[in-house]
């Protein structure tokens, strides 16, 4: 006959046995599982800038990392590599991409066509996958517009200066004309008075 375990000793033995079984089950589990973190899912860049598409993955086995670019121009494979092994960079991106051990890539000298969605897939050797997406917006610095604004501002400043000079000249001319008119009126009034005096 078996007696049930009693008291605190019996309870701790049961908890210990269950914990041991769970730990053994976890250790004997087939290796697998991959996690992926994308710290910056949205990137704004200007033309000719270098950008870092940053991710961080972790897995028990060896992983294969693949990056693709999707935009209105279509889907392009950028790079694929296996950690510690080969790196296969697409010919379109040959001189523009640097890969990092954590799964990130750096893209140099971006252009307007580099805007769009960047998809990263991390595949562990046992077949489990993790996916991440980064949206990249590329803006063009329009120097022509800035040049136009600068030229327009200079032109308006010059026109304003000319108008101020013309107004000053007009004002001076008006004062001289008023002085001459006043002088003539005074002279003609004096002549009239003299004539009246002579006639009398």
C-alpha atoms as a PDB file:
ATOM      1  CA  UNK A   1       0.000   0.000   0.000  1.00  0.00           C
ATOM      2  CA  UNK A   2       1.245   3.453  -0.974  1.00  0.00           C
ATOM      3  CA  UNK A   3       0.653   6.388   1.274  1.00  0.00           C
ATOM      4  CA  UNK A   4       0.027   9.886  -0.189  1.00  0.00           C
ATOM      5  CA  UNK A   5       2.787  12.447   0.388  1.00  0.00           C
ATOM      6  CA  UNK A   6       1.945  14.700   3.293  1.00  0.00           C
ATOM      7  CA  UNK A   7       3.268  17.931   4.724  1.00  0.00           C
ATOM      8  CA  UNK A   8       5.582  20.602   3.302  1.00  0.00           C
ATOM      9  CA  UNK A   9       8.218  18.035   2.370  1.00  0.00           C
ATOM     10  CA  UNK A  10       5.791  16.189   0.105  1.00  0.00           C
ATOM     11  CA  UNK A  11       4.620  19.387  -1.622  1.00  0.00           C
ATOM     12  CA  UNK A  12       8.149  20.585  -2.413  1.00  0.00           C
ATOM     13  CA  UNK A  13       8.980  17.143  -3.837  1.00  0.00           C
ATOM     14  CA  UNK A  14       6.001  17.363  -6.234  1.00  0.00           C
ATOM     15  CA  UNK A  15       6.919  20.938  -7.313  1.00  0.00           C
ATOM     16  CA  UNK A  16      10.540  19.853  -7.799  1.00  0.00           C
ATOM     17  CA  UNK A  17       9.505  16.845  -9.918  1.00  0.00           C
ATOM     18  CA  UNK A  18       7.183  18.953 -12.125  1.00  0.00           C
ATOM     19  CA  UNK A  19       9.906  21.610 -12.602  1.00  0.00           C
ATOM     20  CA  UNK A  20      12.431  18.931 -13.497  1.00  0.00           C
ATOM     21  CA  UNK A  21      10.065  17.372 -16.045  1.00  0.00           C
ATOM     22  CA  UNK A  22       9.349  20.759 -17.660  1.00  0.00           C
ATOM     23  CA  UNK A  23      13.070  21.606 -17.857  1.00  0.00           C
ATOM     24  CA  UNK A  24      13.853  18.205 -19.389  1.00  0.00           C
ATOM     25  CA  UNK A  25      11.050  18.607 -21.922  1.00  0.00           C
ATOM     26  CA  UNK A  26      12.339  22.060 -22.897  1.00  0.00           C
ATOM     27  CA  UNK A  27      15.914  20.772 -23.260  1.00  0.00           C
ATOM     28  CA  UNK A  28      14.857  17.778 -25.365  1.00  0.00           C
ATOM     29  CA  UNK A  29      12.694  19.905 -27.627  1.00  0.00           C
ATOM     30  CA  UNK A  30      13.848  20.034 -31.237  1.00  0.00           C
ATOM     31  CA  UNK A  31      15.858  23.214 -31.716  1.00  0.00           C
ATOM     32  CA  UNK A  32      13.928  25.925 -33.496  1.00  0.00           C
ATOM     33  CA  UNK A  33      12.431  29.364 -33.261  1.00  0.00           C
ATOM     34  CA  UNK A  34      13.704  32.653 -34.556  1.00  0.00           C
ATOM     35  CA  UNK A  35      12.905  36.178 -33.384  1.00  0.00           C
ATOM     36  CA  UNK A  36      13.407  39.448 -35.231  1.00  0.00           C
ATOM     37  CA  UNK A  37      13.250  43.038 -33.962  1.00  0.00           C
ATOM     38  CA  UNK A  38      12.997  46.093 -36.254  1.00  0.00           C
ATOM     39  CA  UNK A  39      13.860  49.161 -34.115  1.00  0.00           C
ATOM     40  CA  UNK A  40      13.183  51.774 -36.826  1.00  0.00           C
ATOM     41  CA  UNK A  41      10.385  50.691 -39.193  1.00  0.00           C
ATOM     42  CA  UNK A  42      10.179  54.076 -40.973  1.00  0.00           C
ATOM     43  CA  UNK A  43      13.211  55.920 -42.416  1.00  0.00           C
ATOM     44  CA  UNK A  44      13.296  59.351 -44.087  1.00  0.00           C
ATOM     45  CA  UNK A  45      16.324  60.093 -46.257  1.00  0.00           C
ATOM     46  CA  UNK A  46      17.507  62.599 -48.855  1.00  0.00           C
ATOM     47  CA  UNK A  47      19.090  61.798 -52.202  1.00  0.00           C
ATOM     48  CA  UNK A  48      22.772  60.682 -52.049  1.00  0.00           C
ATOM     49  CA  UNK A  49      22.529  59.866 -48.314  1.00  0.00           C
ATOM     50  CA  UNK A  50      23.627  56.538 -46.748  1.00  0.00           C
ATOM     51  CA  UNK A  51      20.948  54.707 -44.744  1.00  0.00           C
ATOM     52  CA  UNK A  52      21.094  51.851 -42.250  1.00  0.00           C
ATOM     53  CA  UNK A  53      18.253  49.319 -42.411  1.00  0.00           C
ATOM     54  CA  UNK A  54      18.648  48.108 -38.862  1.00  0.00           C
ATOM     55  CA  UNK A  55      17.332  44.786 -37.517  1.00  0.00           C
ATOM     56  CA  UNK A  56      18.338  42.378 -34.762  1.00  0.00           C
ATOM     57  CA  UNK A  57      17.600  38.654 -34.973  1.00  0.00           C
ATOM     58  CA  UNK A  58      18.223  35.710 -32.674  1.00  0.00           C
ATOM     59  CA  UNK A  59      17.883  31.963 -33.205  1.00  0.00           C
ATOM     60  CA  UNK A  60      19.398  28.745 -31.922  1.00  0.00           C
ATOM     61  CA  UNK A  61      20.694  27.425 -35.226  1.00  0.00           C
ATOM     62  CA  UNK A  62      22.280  28.921 -38.326  1.00  0.00           C
ATOM     63  CA  UNK A  63      20.100  31.516 -40.060  1.00  0.00           C
ATOM     64  CA  UNK A  64      19.760  32.703 -43.634  1.00  0.00           C
ATOM     65  CA  UNK A  65      18.961  36.411 -44.062  1.00  0.00           C
ATOM     66  CA  UNK A  66      17.330  37.768 -47.207  1.00  0.00           C
ATOM     67  CA  UNK A  67      16.476  41.385 -48.089  1.00  0.00           C
ATOM     68  CA  UNK A  68      14.086  42.459 -50.869  1.00  0.00           C
ATOM     69  CA  UNK A  69      12.976  45.877 -52.103  1.00  0.00           C
ATOM     70  CA  UNK A  70       9.393  46.426 -53.274  1.00  0.00           C
ATOM     71  CA  UNK A  71       8.338  49.667 -54.970  1.00  0.00           C
ATOM     72  CA  UNK A  72       6.215  50.916 -57.859  1.00  0.00           C
ATOM     73  CA  UNK A  73       9.080  49.821 -60.162  1.00  0.00           C
ATOM     74  CA  UNK A  74       8.760  46.187 -59.015  1.00  0.00           C
ATOM     75  CA  UNK A  75      10.398  43.724 -56.620  1.00  0.00           C
ATOM     76  CA  UNK A  76      14.185  43.434 -56.464  1.00  0.00           C
ATOM     77  CA  UNK A  77      16.258  40.970 -54.464  1.00  0.00           C
ATOM     78  CA  UNK A  78      19.035  42.909 -52.714  1.00  0.00           C
ATOM     79  CA  UNK A  79      21.116  40.389 -50.781  1.00  0.00           C
ATOM     80  CA  UNK A  80      20.986  36.938 -49.227  1.00  0.00           C
ATOM     81  CA  UNK A  81      23.527  35.429 -46.845  1.00  0.00           C
ATOM     82  CA  UNK A  82      23.954  32.681 -44.290  1.00  0.00           C
ATOM     83  CA  UNK A  83      25.490  33.720 -40.975  1.00  0.00           C
ATOM     84  CA  UNK A  84      29.178  32.886 -41.045  1.00  0.00           C
ATOM     85  CA  UNK A  85      29.018  31.752 -44.679  1.00  0.00           C
ATOM     86  CA  UNK A  86      28.375  33.085 -48.188  1.00  0.00           C
ATOM     87  CA  UNK A  87      27.018  36.514 -49.138  1.00  0.00           C
ATOM     88  CA  UNK A  88      25.099  36.823 -52.403  1.00  0.00           C
ATOM     89  CA  UNK A  89      24.549  40.493 -53.375  1.00  0.00           C
ATOM     90  CA  UNK A  90      22.419  41.344 -56.428  1.00  0.00           C
ATOM     91  CA  UNK A  91      24.368  42.968 -59.293  1.00  0.00           C
ATOM     92  CA  UNK A  92      22.121  46.056 -59.065  1.00  0.00           C
ATOM     93  CA  UNK A  93      23.316  46.634 -55.478  1.00  0.00           C
ATOM     94  CA  UNK A  94      26.874  45.236 -55.824  1.00  0.00           C
ATOM     95  CA  UNK A  95      28.803  48.379 -54.777  1.00  0.00           C
ATOM     96  CA  UNK A  96      26.107  49.906 -52.582  1.00  0.00           C
ATOM     97  CA  UNK A  97      25.339  47.332 -49.872  1.00  0.00           C
ATOM     98  CA  UNK A  98      27.167  46.353 -46.682  1.00  0.00           C
ATOM     99  CA  UNK A  99      25.871  43.443 -44.576  1.00  0.00           C
ATOM    100  CA  UNK A 100      26.137  43.075 -40.799  1.00  0.00           C
ATOM    101  CA  UNK A 101      26.116  39.992 -38.545  1.00  0.00           C
ATOM    102  CA  UNK A 102      22.901  41.057 -36.775  1.00  0.00           C
ATOM    103  CA  UNK A 103      20.990  40.999 -40.112  1.00  0.00           C
ATOM    104  CA  UNK A 104      21.145  44.745 -40.834  1.00  0.00           C
ATOM    105  CA  UNK A 105      22.289  46.229 -44.119  1.00  0.00           C
ATOM    106  CA  UNK A 106      23.617  49.651 -45.079  1.00  0.00           C
ATOM    107  CA  UNK A 107      22.539  51.129 -48.388  1.00  0.00           C
ATOM    108  CA  UNK A 108      24.861  53.809 -49.787  1.00  0.00           C
ATOM    109  CA  UNK A 109      24.058  56.752 -52.049  1.00  0.00           C
ATOM    110  CA  UNK A 110      20.264  56.368 -52.149  1.00  0.00           C
ATOM    111  CA  UNK A 111      18.216  57.729 -55.042  1.00  0.00           C
ATOM    112  CA  UNK A 112      14.524  58.344 -55.638  1.00  0.00           C
ATOM    113  CA  UNK A 113      14.119  54.754 -56.930  1.00  0.00           C
ATOM    114  CA  UNK A 114      15.277  53.433 -53.533  1.00  0.00           C
ATOM    115  CA  UNK A 115      12.066  54.623 -51.870  1.00  0.00           C
ATOM    116  CA  UNK A 116       9.617  51.875 -50.962  1.00  0.00           C
ATOM    117  CA  UNK A 117       9.277  48.811 -48.757  1.00  0.00           C
ATOM    118  CA  UNK A 118      12.232  46.720 -47.615  1.00  0.00           C
ATOM    119  CA  UNK A 119      11.367  43.184 -46.522  1.00  0.00           C
ATOM    120  CA  UNK A 120      13.769  41.072 -44.489  1.00  0.00           C
ATOM    121  CA  UNK A 121      13.276  37.335 -43.985  1.00  0.00           C
ATOM    122  CA  UNK A 122      15.295  35.386 -41.429  1.00  0.00           C
ATOM    123  CA  UNK A 123      15.029  31.612 -41.959  1.00  0.00           C
ATOM    124  CA  UNK A 124      16.454  29.250 -39.393  1.00  0.00           C
ATOM    125  CA  UNK A 125      17.991  25.968 -40.594  1.00  0.00           C
ATOM    126  CA  UNK A 126      15.062  23.985 -39.128  1.00  0.00           C
ATOM    127  CA  UNK A 127      12.588  25.932 -41.260  1.00  0.00           C
ATOM    128  CA  UNK A 128      11.140  28.577 -38.925  1.00  0.00           C
ATOM    129  CA  UNK A 129      10.896  32.110 -40.325  1.00  0.00           C
ATOM    130  CA  UNK A 130      10.680  35.666 -39.026  1.00  0.00           C
ATOM    131  CA  UNK A 131       9.720  38.661 -41.161  1.00  0.00           C
ATOM    132  CA  UNK A 132      10.296  42.394 -40.883  1.00  0.00           C
ATOM    133  CA  UNK A 133       9.410  45.479 -42.940  1.00  0.00           C
ATOM    134  CA  UNK A 134      11.028  48.910 -43.176  1.00  0.00           C
ATOM    135  CA  UNK A 135       9.489  51.781 -45.137  1.00  0.00           C
ATOM    136  CA  UNK A 136      11.993  54.169 -46.723  1.00  0.00           C
ATOM    137  CA  UNK A 137      10.992  57.627 -47.964  1.00  0.00           C
ATOM    138  CA  UNK A 138      13.560  59.433 -50.148  1.00  0.00           C
ATOM    139  CA  UNK A 139      13.268  63.195 -50.697  1.00  0.00           C
ATOM    140  CA  UNK A 140      15.028  65.280 -53.307  1.00  0.00           C
ATOM    141  CA  UNK A 141      16.722  68.557 -52.359  1.00  0.00           C
ATOM    142  CA  UNK A 142      15.578  70.914 -55.089  1.00  0.00           C
ATOM    143  CA  UNK A 143      18.430  73.391 -55.469  1.00  0.00           C
ATOM    144  CA  UNK A 144      16.801  74.996 -58.539  1.00  0.00           C
ATOM    145  CA  UNK A 145      13.866  76.210 -56.420  1.00  0.00           C
ATOM    146  CA  UNK A 146      16.202  77.681 -53.807  1.00  0.00           C
ATOM    147  CA  UNK A 147      18.189  79.394 -56.566  1.00  0.00           C
ATOM    148  CA  UNK A 148      14.982  80.815 -58.061  1.00  0.00           C
ATOM    149  CA  UNK A 149      13.885  82.193 -54.668  1.00  0.00           C
ATOM    150  CA  UNK A 150      17.309  83.805 -54.114  1.00  0.00           C
ATOM    151  CA  UNK A 151      17.275  85.437 -57.582  1.00  0.00           C
ATOM    152  CA  UNK A 152      13.689  86.659 -57.110  1.00  0.00           C
ATOM    153  CA  UNK A 153      14.538  88.128 -53.686  1.00  0.00           C
ATOM    154  CA  UNK A 154      17.588  89.952 -55.134  1.00  0.00           C
ATOM    155  CA  UNK A 155      15.524  91.295 -58.038  1.00  0.00           C
ATOM    156  CA  UNK A 156      12.768  92.588 -55.727  1.00  0.00           C
ATOM    157  CA  UNK A 157      15.350  94.228 -53.445  1.00  0.00           C
ATOM    158  CA  UNK A 158      16.932  96.009 -56.451  1.00  0.00           C
ATOM    159  CA  UNK A 159      13.526  97.189 -57.740  1.00  0.00           C
ATOM    160  CA  UNK A 160      12.644  98.485 -54.247  1.00  0.00           C
ATOM    161  CA  UNK A 161      15.937 100.417 -54.034  1.00  0.00           C
ATOM    162  CA  UNK A 162      15.344 101.986 -57.486  1.00  0.00           C
ATOM    163  CA  UNK A 163      11.772 102.983 -56.542  1.00  0.00           C
ATOM    164  CA  UNK A 164      12.988 104.581 -53.288  1.00  0.00           C
ATOM    165  CA  UNK A 165      15.614 106.589 -55.246  1.00  0.00           C
ATOM    166  CA  UNK A 166      12.989 107.704 -57.791  1.00  0.00           C
ATOM    167  CA  UNK A 167      10.612 108.808 -55.028  1.00  0.00           C
ATOM    168  CA  UNK A 168      13.420 110.793 -53.372  1.00  0.00           C
ATOM    169  CA  UNK A 169      14.281 112.487 -56.693  1.00  0.00           C
ATOM    170  CA  UNK A 170      10.612 113.282 -57.355  1.00  0.00           C
ATOM    171  CA  UNK A 171      10.265 114.773 -53.885  1.00  0.00           C
ATOM    172  CA  UNK A 172      13.377 116.979 -54.408  1.00  0.00           C
ATOM    173  CA  UNK A 173      12.156 118.096 -57.848  1.00  0.00           C
ATOM    174  CA  UNK A 174       8.735 118.983 -56.422  1.00  0.00           C
ATOM    175  CA  UNK A 175      10.344 121.142 -53.694  1.00  0.00           C
ATOM    176  CA  UNK A 176      12.498 122.974 -56.279  1.00  0.00           C
ATOM    177  CA  UNK A 177       9.472 123.518 -58.562  1.00  0.00           C
ATOM    178  CA  UNK A 178       7.411 124.893 -55.645  1.00  0.00           C
ATOM    179  CA  UNK A 179      10.224 127.304 -54.687  1.00  0.00           C
ATOM    180  CA  UNK A 180      10.524 128.610 -58.284  1.00  0.00           C
ATOM    181  CA  UNK A 181       6.745 129.023 -58.591  1.00  0.00           C
ATOM    182  CA  UNK A 182       6.592 130.908 -55.286  1.00  0.00           C
ATOM    183  CA  UNK A 183       9.496 133.151 -56.394  1.00  0.00           C
ATOM    184  CA  UNK A 184       7.779 133.909 -59.756  1.00  0.00           C
ATOM    185  CA  UNK A 185       4.474 134.662 -58.041  1.00  0.00           C
ATOM    186  CA  UNK A 186       6.224 137.059 -55.629  1.00  0.00           C
ATOM    187  CA  UNK A 187       8.006 138.797 -58.534  1.00  0.00           C
ATOM    188  CA  UNK A 188       4.804 139.186 -60.599  1.00  0.00           C
ATOM    189  CA  UNK A 189       2.865 140.531 -57.591  1.00  0.00           C
ATOM    190  CA  UNK A 190       5.614 143.095 -56.968  1.00  0.00           C
ATOM    191  CA  UNK A 191       5.481 144.196 -60.646  1.00  0.00           C
ATOM    192  CA  UNK A 192       1.692 144.614 -60.492  1.00  0.00           C
ATOM    193  CA  UNK A 193       1.978 146.767 -57.364  1.00  0.00           C
ATOM    194  CA  UNK A 194       4.665 148.901 -59.027  1.00  0.00           C
ATOM    195  CA  UNK A 195       2.490 149.317 -62.167  1.00  0.00           C
ATOM    196  CA  UNK A 196      -0.515 150.346 -60.108  1.00  0.00           C
ATOM    197  CA  UNK A 197       1.626 152.879 -58.256  1.00  0.00           C
ATOM    198  CA  UNK A 198       2.915 154.363 -61.545  1.00  0.00           C
ATOM    199  CA  UNK A 199      -0.593 154.581 -63.034  1.00  0.00           C
ATOM    200  CA  UNK A 200      -1.853 156.458 -60.019  1.00  0.00           C
END
